[in-house]
Amino acid sequence: MKTKISLIAGLAAVLCLYALIDHLSASTYLADNIISLPYLQYGTEKAKDKEMGITLDIKNESYPGYLIYDGILVDTDGNQYTSIMDYMLPNNLNAYTHDLLRLYKDDRTRSVDKEYYIHHERAYLKNKNLLFITKEFRNISGKIILFDKIMELDANGEIAFEWSTLDMQNELNTLIGNLPENTTFLNYGEINVSDQIKKILDLPIGQDYYDYYHLNAVSEIIGSPYPGDKRFRDGNLLISLRNIDTILVIDKKTKEIVWHYGPGILLKQHAPIMLENGNILVFDNGDNTRNHSRVIELDPISKKIIWEYGSKSDEMFYSEYRGDAQRLPNGNTLIADGNHGRVFEVTKEGKKVYEFFTPKLNADGHRENIYRAYKIEKNILNDIQR
């Protein structure tokens, strides 16, 4: 069984690599990415001996799919296969990349035409264009402030859509109020930015860089869950601005902010996504004012929380900087407790029915973090192979 799956996985990864190249190539372009994964760091707590791999799986209650986390596939027996690539995921399951996207003028000479720095998100849209998040900067009051930009490239590598937090400052300030001048921005520090990224963004050398909004997720709304409500029409974008505790919907046609939620409720959230029922699922990280995380399901029309996990005393966990959640076909919710390298699944009633700990440890026994995780149907690998 292990050999069979490994062969399928390897073939699927190769096929998907060709599909990735085909998406951006036309006759003159190629995509070449993955130079680093700085988000995959190690936790501060040492792993316990018994917390390795699948530690809980209640059959007939957990969803019987394969687990994918940060490009690694785990079958239902706990075997792991590292040849699975993140772009195997189905539509709207966006795996994390912190990459260099390089477009070539010519496939043979591979001379570089354009380079983009990608962080947090890279996803293919229904129209087969590539959507990702990059950064730009401005010198504001002597500080080098990094702003986020959403970009969409067509099959020829041409820009089909752009949306920038720099351009939208007035609109954002109207929604949430002006950030005070003494705001403590997330300080990247020059040492945490590679020379290659500094070159691509043309960043000044010898200065610290400060993160302003920290756009950490963007996903495409699929279908029209609320017919007649143009805010949530097909193709609009749902995004997360971590540093201002806000999620937004952007009208893809007008680039306007048409819906927002979060200030005073969310704290440093990640990974909002619109479900088939029209509700929004979001990982609400928390911070030192509420030192536990939770996953909430939100009705975007009434803005009422209709389901949550993590606030009861027997549910509490805390992933300060990372996290993800997926609503599974059986109604359960898969949660990535990213800072602790753990993925677990709960029922609608809050019963834990599946748990997995990444066995990837450093030399000191500290567990690697997980950024995002999903369960997929077992037959997806066979579908890709065909």
Protein backbone atom coordinates (compact mmCIF):
# COMPACT_ATOMS: atom_id res chain seq x y z
CA MET A 1 0.00 0.00 0.00
CA LYS A 2 2.75 2.42 0.93
CA THR A 3 4.64 1.80 -2.31
CA LYS A 4 1.49 2.22 -4.41
CA ILE A 5 0.57 5.53 -2.82
CA SER A 6 4.14 6.77 -3.07
CA LEU A 7 4.21 6.07 -6.81
CA ILE A 8 0.85 7.76 -7.33
CA ALA A 9 1.95 10.72 -5.25
CA GLY A 10 5.20 11.08 -7.15
CA LEU A 11 3.46 10.90 -10.52
CA ALA A 12 0.76 13.32 -9.39
CA ALA A 13 3.40 15.82 -8.28
CA VAL A 14 5.12 15.59 -11.67
CA LEU A 15 1.83 16.00 -13.55
CA CYS A 16 0.89 18.98 -11.42
CA LEU A 17 4.30 20.55 -12.00
CA TYR A 18 3.65 20.39 -15.74
CA ALA A 19 0.21 21.89 -15.15
CA LEU A 20 1.79 24.70 -13.12
CA ILE A 21 4.25 25.44 -15.93
CA ASP A 22 1.44 25.34 -18.51
CA HIS A 23 -0.64 27.86 -16.55
CA LEU A 24 1.99 30.57 -16.86
CA SER A 25 3.94 29.57 -19.91
CA ALA A 26 1.88 30.39 -23.01
CA SER A 27 4.83 30.30 -25.43
CA THR A 28 7.27 32.52 -23.59
CA TYR A 29 6.87 32.25 -19.82
CA LEU A 30 7.69 29.78 -17.09
CA ALA A 31 7.17 29.88 -13.36
CA ASP A 32 10.10 28.95 -11.17
CA ASN A 33 9.50 29.23 -7.46
CA ILE A 34 10.13 28.06 -3.92
CA ILE A 35 13.41 29.44 -2.65
CA SER A 36 12.58 29.53 1.04
CA LEU A 37 9.89 28.79 3.61
CA PRO A 38 10.71 31.10 6.51
CA TYR A 39 7.32 30.54 8.13
CA LEU A 40 8.26 26.94 8.84
CA GLN A 41 10.14 27.57 12.05
CA TYR A 42 10.39 25.48 15.21
CA GLY A 43 8.33 25.89 18.34
CA THR A 44 9.62 26.89 21.76
CA GLU A 45 8.33 23.79 23.56
CA LYS A 46 9.99 20.41 23.31
CA ALA A 47 7.87 17.67 21.78
CA LYS A 48 6.52 14.89 23.99
CA ASP A 49 7.52 11.36 23.05
CA LYS A 50 3.94 10.17 22.52
CA GLU A 51 2.94 13.16 20.41
CA MET A 52 4.10 11.92 17.01
CA GLY A 53 2.01 11.40 13.88
CA ILE A 54 -1.64 10.43 14.23
CA THR A 55 -2.44 10.18 17.95
CA LEU A 56 -6.25 10.06 17.62
CA ASP A 57 -8.56 8.91 14.85
CA ILE A 58 -12.09 7.87 15.76
CA LYS A 59 -13.34 5.92 12.76
CA ASN A 60 -16.85 6.72 11.46
CA GLU A 61 -16.63 10.09 13.21
CA SER A 62 -13.50 11.65 11.69
CA TYR A 63 -13.41 12.50 8.00
CA PRO A 64 -11.67 9.61 6.19
CA GLY A 65 -9.41 11.63 3.92
CA TYR A 66 -5.71 12.20 3.47
CA LEU A 67 -4.10 15.04 5.41
CA ILE A 68 -1.93 17.59 3.59
CA TYR A 69 0.12 20.05 5.59
CA ASP A 70 2.75 22.37 4.13
CA GLY A 71 3.19 20.18 1.05
CA ILE A 72 3.39 16.84 2.91
CA LEU A 73 0.74 14.14 2.51
CA VAL A 74 -0.25 11.85 5.39
CA ASP A 75 -2.38 8.79 4.61
CA THR A 76 -4.90 7.27 7.00
CA ASP A 77 -2.25 4.90 8.36
CA GLY A 78 0.04 7.80 9.28
CA ASN A 79 2.56 7.27 6.48
CA GLN A 80 4.01 10.55 5.18
CA TYR A 81 5.01 11.37 1.60
CA THR A 82 7.06 14.47 0.99
CA SER A 83 6.72 14.45 -2.82
CA ILE A 84 3.25 16.02 -2.65
CA MET A 85 3.36 19.64 -3.84
CA ASP A 86 1.06 22.36 -2.56
CA TYR A 87 -0.34 23.15 -6.01
CA MET A 88 -2.06 19.74 -6.03
CA LEU A 89 -4.78 21.18 -3.84
CA PRO A 90 -8.30 21.62 -5.23
CA ASN A 91 -9.76 25.03 -6.02
CA ASN A 92 -10.00 27.36 -3.04
CA LEU A 93 -7.59 25.32 -0.90
CA ASN A 94 -4.66 27.69 -0.88
CA ALA A 95 -1.38 26.35 0.45
CA TYR A 96 1.22 28.71 1.87
CA THR A 97 4.22 29.84 -0.16
CA HIS A 98 6.87 32.39 0.71
CA ASP A 99 8.53 32.36 -2.67
CA LEU A 100 10.25 34.01 -5.52
CA LEU A 101 8.16 33.97 -8.70
CA ARG A 102 10.41 34.27 -11.70
CA LEU A 103 9.10 34.76 -15.25
CA TYR A 104 11.41 33.99 -18.15
CA LYS A 105 11.58 35.67 -21.55
CA ASP A 106 12.57 32.46 -23.25
CA ASP A 107 12.22 28.85 -22.10
CA ARG A 108 15.55 27.83 -23.62
CA THR A 109 17.85 30.60 -22.42
CA ARG A 110 15.82 31.13 -19.22
CA SER A 111 16.75 34.80 -19.20
CA VAL A 112 14.76 36.54 -16.49
CA ASP A 113 12.02 38.95 -17.58
CA LYS A 114 10.26 39.68 -14.26
CA GLU A 115 10.60 38.68 -10.62
CA TYR A 116 8.01 38.93 -7.89
CA TYR A 117 8.31 38.36 -4.17
CA ILE A 118 5.37 36.23 -2.97
CA HIS A 119 4.30 35.88 0.65
CA HIS A 120 1.52 33.95 2.39
CA GLU A 121 -0.59 33.15 -0.65
CA ARG A 122 -0.40 31.74 -4.13
CA ALA A 123 -3.55 30.35 -5.73
CA TYR A 124 -4.99 29.66 -9.17
CA LEU A 125 -8.33 31.31 -9.86
CA LYS A 126 -11.22 29.78 -11.78
CA ASN A 127 -10.02 31.62 -14.90
CA LYS A 128 -6.63 29.85 -14.49
CA ASN A 129 -4.83 33.11 -13.67
CA LEU A 130 -2.34 33.17 -10.81
CA LEU A 131 -3.22 35.22 -7.71
CA PHE A 132 -0.61 36.09 -5.08
CA ILE A 133 0.39 38.64 -2.44
CA THR A 134 3.55 40.72 -2.74
CA LYS A 135 4.93 43.85 -1.05
CA GLU A 136 5.95 47.41 -1.81
CA PHE A 137 7.37 50.09 0.50
CA ARG A 138 7.31 53.78 1.34
CA ASN A 139 9.45 55.94 3.63
CA ILE A 140 7.00 57.36 6.19
CA SER A 141 8.33 59.60 8.96
CA GLY A 142 11.76 58.05 8.58
CA LYS A 143 10.52 54.46 8.78
CA ILE A 144 10.56 52.02 5.87
CA ILE A 145 6.97 50.77 5.90
CA LEU A 146 6.03 47.66 3.92
CA PHE A 147 2.60 47.60 2.28
CA ASP A 148 0.86 44.61 0.71
CA LYS A 149 -0.31 44.23 -2.85
CA ILE A 150 -2.57 41.56 -4.37
CA MET A 151 -1.61 40.72 -7.94
CA GLU A 152 -3.15 38.54 -10.63
CA LEU A 153 -1.14 37.40 -13.66
CA ASP A 154 -2.65 35.93 -16.82
CA ALA A 155 -1.19 33.05 -18.85
CA ASN A 156 1.25 35.43 -20.56
CA GLY A 157 2.55 36.81 -17.29
CA GLU A 158 0.71 40.10 -17.81
CA ILE A 159 -0.93 41.87 -14.87
CA ALA A 160 -4.70 41.29 -14.94
CA PHE A 161 -5.54 42.79 -11.53
CA GLU A 162 -3.85 44.74 -8.74
CA TRP A 163 -5.06 45.91 -5.33
CA SER A 164 -2.74 47.65 -2.86
CA THR A 165 -3.12 48.56 0.80
CA LEU A 166 -0.94 51.58 0.04
CA ASP A 167 -3.49 52.88 -2.46
CA MET A 168 -6.40 52.07 -0.14
CA GLN A 169 -5.15 53.82 3.00
CA ASN A 170 -7.88 56.47 3.00
CA GLU A 171 -10.63 53.88 2.57
CA LEU A 172 -9.14 51.67 5.29
CA ASN A 173 -8.79 54.61 7.66
CA THR A 174 -12.44 55.50 7.05
CA LEU A 175 -13.47 51.95 8.01
CA ILE A 176 -11.31 51.40 11.07
CA GLY A 177 -10.01 54.85 12.00
CA ASN A 178 -6.54 56.28 11.51
CA LEU A 179 -3.67 54.38 13.04
CA PRO A 180 -1.91 56.66 15.53
CA GLU A 181 1.54 57.93 14.58
CA ASN A 182 3.13 56.01 17.45
CA THR A 183 1.65 52.68 16.31
CA THR A 184 4.08 49.84 17.01
CA PHE A 185 4.42 48.19 13.64
CA LEU A 186 5.54 44.61 13.26
CA ASN A 187 9.31 45.07 12.96
CA TYR A 188 10.75 42.65 10.42
CA GLY A 189 14.27 43.90 10.99
CA GLU A 190 16.70 43.96 8.10
CA ILE A 191 18.28 40.69 9.19
CA ASN A 192 15.02 38.80 8.53
CA VAL A 193 14.78 39.87 4.88
CA SER A 194 17.02 38.06 2.40
CA ASP A 195 19.34 39.97 0.06
CA GLN A 196 17.41 38.55 -2.87
CA ILE A 197 14.12 39.96 -1.60
CA LYS A 198 15.76 43.33 -0.86
CA LYS A 199 16.92 43.43 -4.45
CA ILE A 200 13.52 42.53 -5.91
CA LEU A 201 11.70 45.15 -3.80
CA ASP A 202 14.57 47.65 -4.13
CA LEU A 203 14.58 48.07 -0.36
CA PRO A 204 17.03 50.52 1.25
CA ILE A 205 19.98 48.77 2.88
CA GLY A 206 20.90 49.23 6.52
CA GLN A 207 17.44 49.95 7.90
CA ASP A 208 14.73 47.99 9.67
CA TYR A 209 11.50 47.35 7.83
CA TYR A 210 8.10 47.73 9.45
CA ASP A 211 4.94 45.87 8.44
CA TYR A 212 1.81 48.03 8.27
CA TYR A 213 -1.33 45.97 7.57
CA HIS A 214 0.17 42.47 7.13
CA LEU A 215 -2.16 40.98 4.52
CA ASN A 216 -1.93 37.26 5.26
CA ALA A 217 -4.71 35.65 3.19
CA VAL A 218 -6.74 36.14 0.02
CA SER A 219 -9.29 33.74 -1.46
CA GLU A 220 -11.78 33.90 -4.31
CA ILE A 221 -15.50 33.75 -3.54
CA ILE A 222 -16.89 30.83 -5.55
CA GLY A 223 -20.46 31.09 -6.81
CA SER A 224 -22.98 33.62 -5.51
CA PRO A 225 -24.08 32.46 -2.04
CA TYR A 226 -26.36 35.52 -1.67
CA PRO A 227 -28.10 36.14 -5.02
CA GLY A 228 -28.70 39.82 -5.55
CA ASP A 229 -26.10 40.91 -3.00
CA LYS A 230 -23.22 42.17 -5.12
CA ARG A 231 -20.88 42.28 -2.12
CA PHE A 232 -20.53 38.52 -2.21
CA ARG A 233 -20.80 37.85 -5.93
CA ASP A 234 -18.73 35.26 -7.72
CA GLY A 235 -15.08 36.24 -8.14
CA ASN A 236 -14.90 38.85 -5.38
CA LEU A 237 -11.96 38.50 -3.00
CA LEU A 238 -12.01 37.80 0.74
CA ILE A 239 -8.84 39.02 2.46
CA SER A 240 -7.32 39.21 5.95
CA LEU A 241 -5.36 42.18 7.35
CA ARG A 242 -3.80 40.73 10.48
CA ASN A 243 -2.30 43.84 12.07
CA ILE A 244 -5.62 45.69 12.15
CA ASP A 245 -7.76 42.68 13.16
CA THR A 246 -9.92 42.99 10.05
CA ILE A 247 -11.23 40.83 7.22
CA LEU A 248 -12.58 42.45 4.04
CA VAL A 249 -14.38 41.66 0.82
CA ILE A 250 -13.07 43.46 -2.27
CA ASP A 251 -15.28 43.92 -5.31
CA LYS A 252 -13.14 42.48 -8.09
CA LYS A 253 -14.64 44.78 -10.73
CA THR A 254 -14.48 48.11 -8.88
CA LYS A 255 -11.67 47.35 -6.38
CA GLU A 256 -13.85 48.85 -3.65
CA ILE A 257 -14.08 47.50 -0.11
CA VAL A 258 -17.70 46.35 0.07
CA TRP A 259 -17.76 44.48 3.40
CA HIS A 260 -15.60 44.35 6.52
CA TYR A 261 -15.59 42.77 9.96
CA GLY A 262 -13.31 42.36 12.92
CA PRO A 263 -12.07 45.37 14.91
CA GLY A 264 -12.81 44.76 18.57
CA ILE A 265 -13.76 41.12 17.89
CA LEU A 266 -10.98 39.42 15.92
CA LEU A 267 -7.38 39.38 17.12
CA LYS A 268 -4.54 38.76 14.62
CA GLN A 269 -6.68 36.38 12.54
CA HIS A 270 -5.68 34.09 9.67
CA ALA A 271 -7.25 32.21 6.76
CA PRO A 272 -10.84 33.48 6.35
CA ILE A 273 -12.75 31.54 3.71
CA MET A 274 -16.37 31.62 2.51
CA LEU A 275 -18.16 28.32 2.93
CA GLU A 276 -20.71 26.85 0.53
CA ASN A 277 -23.50 27.95 2.89
CA GLY A 278 -22.35 31.58 2.57
CA ASN A 279 -20.88 31.83 6.06
CA ILE A 280 -17.24 32.72 6.67
CA LEU A 281 -14.87 30.46 8.60
CA VAL A 282 -11.87 32.18 10.17
CA PHE A 283 -9.01 31.27 12.50
CA ASP A 284 -9.01 33.92 15.25
CA ASN A 285 -5.54 33.73 16.81
CA GLY A 286 -5.85 35.93 19.87
CA ASP A 287 -3.04 37.90 21.49
CA ASN A 288 -1.81 38.84 24.97
CA THR A 289 -5.19 40.44 25.73
CA ARG A 290 -6.96 37.11 25.01
CA ASN A 291 -4.36 34.42 25.21
CA HIS A 292 -6.26 31.66 23.48
CA SER A 293 -7.23 31.00 19.89
CA ARG A 294 -10.58 30.04 18.45
CA VAL A 295 -12.21 29.17 15.16
CA ILE A 296 -15.46 30.96 14.36
CA GLU A 297 -18.15 30.60 11.71
CA LEU A 298 -19.64 33.99 10.93
CA ASP A 299 -22.87 34.97 9.16
CA PRO A 300 -21.63 37.88 6.99
CA ILE A 301 -25.10 39.41 6.63
CA SER A 302 -26.00 39.63 10.34
CA LYS A 303 -22.34 39.60 11.41
CA LYS A 304 -23.28 37.16 14.16
CA ILE A 305 -21.06 34.26 15.21
CA ILE A 306 -23.11 31.10 14.71
CA TRP A 307 -20.46 28.53 15.69
CA GLU A 308 -17.12 28.60 17.45
CA TYR A 309 -14.54 26.30 18.95
CA GLY A 310 -11.81 27.19 21.42
CA SER A 311 -13.48 29.42 23.99
CA LYS A 312 -14.65 26.74 26.44
CA SER A 313 -12.23 25.71 29.18
CA ASP A 314 -11.87 22.16 27.83
CA GLU A 315 -11.28 23.38 24.26
CA MET A 316 -8.66 26.08 24.76
CA PHE A 317 -5.48 26.21 22.70
CA TYR A 318 -3.26 29.08 21.62
CA SER A 319 -1.48 29.51 18.32
CA GLU A 320 -0.29 33.09 18.40
CA TYR A 321 1.19 33.55 14.93
CA ARG A 322 -0.19 30.83 12.67
CA GLY A 323 -3.39 28.89 12.14
CA ASP A 324 -5.92 27.58 9.69
CA ALA A 325 -9.34 25.91 9.59
CA GLN A 326 -11.23 23.87 7.00
CA ARG A 327 -14.89 22.80 7.01
CA LEU A 328 -14.96 19.18 5.93
CA PRO A 329 -17.65 17.47 3.80
CA ASN A 330 -19.02 15.59 6.85
CA GLY A 331 -19.56 18.86 8.76
CA ASN A 332 -16.50 18.52 10.98
CA THR A 333 -13.86 21.24 11.18
CA LEU A 334 -10.14 20.64 10.72
CA ILE A 335 -7.96 23.04 12.71
CA ALA A 336 -4.23 23.70 12.33
CA ASP A 337 -2.73 24.64 15.70
CA GLY A 338 0.24 25.96 13.80
CA ASN A 339 2.60 27.10 16.53
CA HIS A 340 2.56 23.63 18.08
CA GLY A 341 2.83 21.60 14.86
CA ARG A 342 -0.57 20.04 15.54
CA VAL A 343 -3.67 19.42 13.42
CA PHE A 344 -6.94 18.26 14.94
CA GLU A 345 -10.53 17.71 13.86
CA VAL A 346 -13.69 18.44 15.84
CA THR A 347 -17.37 17.71 15.31
CA LYS A 348 -20.05 20.39 15.27
CA GLU A 349 -20.58 19.64 18.97
CA GLY A 350 -16.89 20.20 19.72
CA LYS A 351 -15.82 16.58 20.15
CA LYS A 352 -12.21 15.96 19.08
CA VAL A 353 -12.12 12.97 16.72
CA TYR A 354 -8.70 13.27 15.01
CA GLU A 355 -5.30 14.58 16.03
CA PHE A 356 -1.93 14.70 14.30
CA PHE A 357 1.47 16.04 15.39
CA THR A 358 4.20 16.61 12.83
CA PRO A 359 7.17 14.37 13.68
CA LYS A 360 9.59 16.93 12.21
CA LEU A 361 11.83 18.03 15.08
CA ASN A 362 15.05 20.00 15.23
CA ALA A 363 18.19 18.79 16.99
CA ASP A 364 16.92 20.14 20.31
CA GLY A 365 13.64 18.23 20.06
CA HIS A 366 11.48 21.24 19.20
CA ARG A 367 8.62 20.57 16.79
CA GLU A 368 8.33 22.35 13.44
CA ASN A 369 5.39 24.72 13.06
CA ILE A 370 2.54 24.09 10.61
CA TYR A 371 1.17 26.95 8.54
CA ARG A 372 -1.86 25.39 6.87
CA ALA A 373 -3.42 21.94 6.70
CA TYR A 374 -6.25 20.31 4.76
CA LYS A 375 -7.91 16.94 4.41
CA ILE A 376 -8.61 15.82 0.86
CA GLU A 377 -10.64 12.96 -0.57
CA LYS A 378 -8.56 9.87 -1.18
CA ASN A 379 -9.60 9.68 -4.84
CA ILE A 380 -8.16 13.11 -5.66
CA LEU A 381 -4.75 11.54 -6.28
CA ASN A 382 -6.30 9.08 -8.72
CA ASP A 383 -8.24 11.89 -10.43
CA ILE A 384 -5.01 13.89 -10.88
CA GLN A 385 -3.20 10.82 -12.20
CA ARG A 386 -5.85 10.42 -14.90
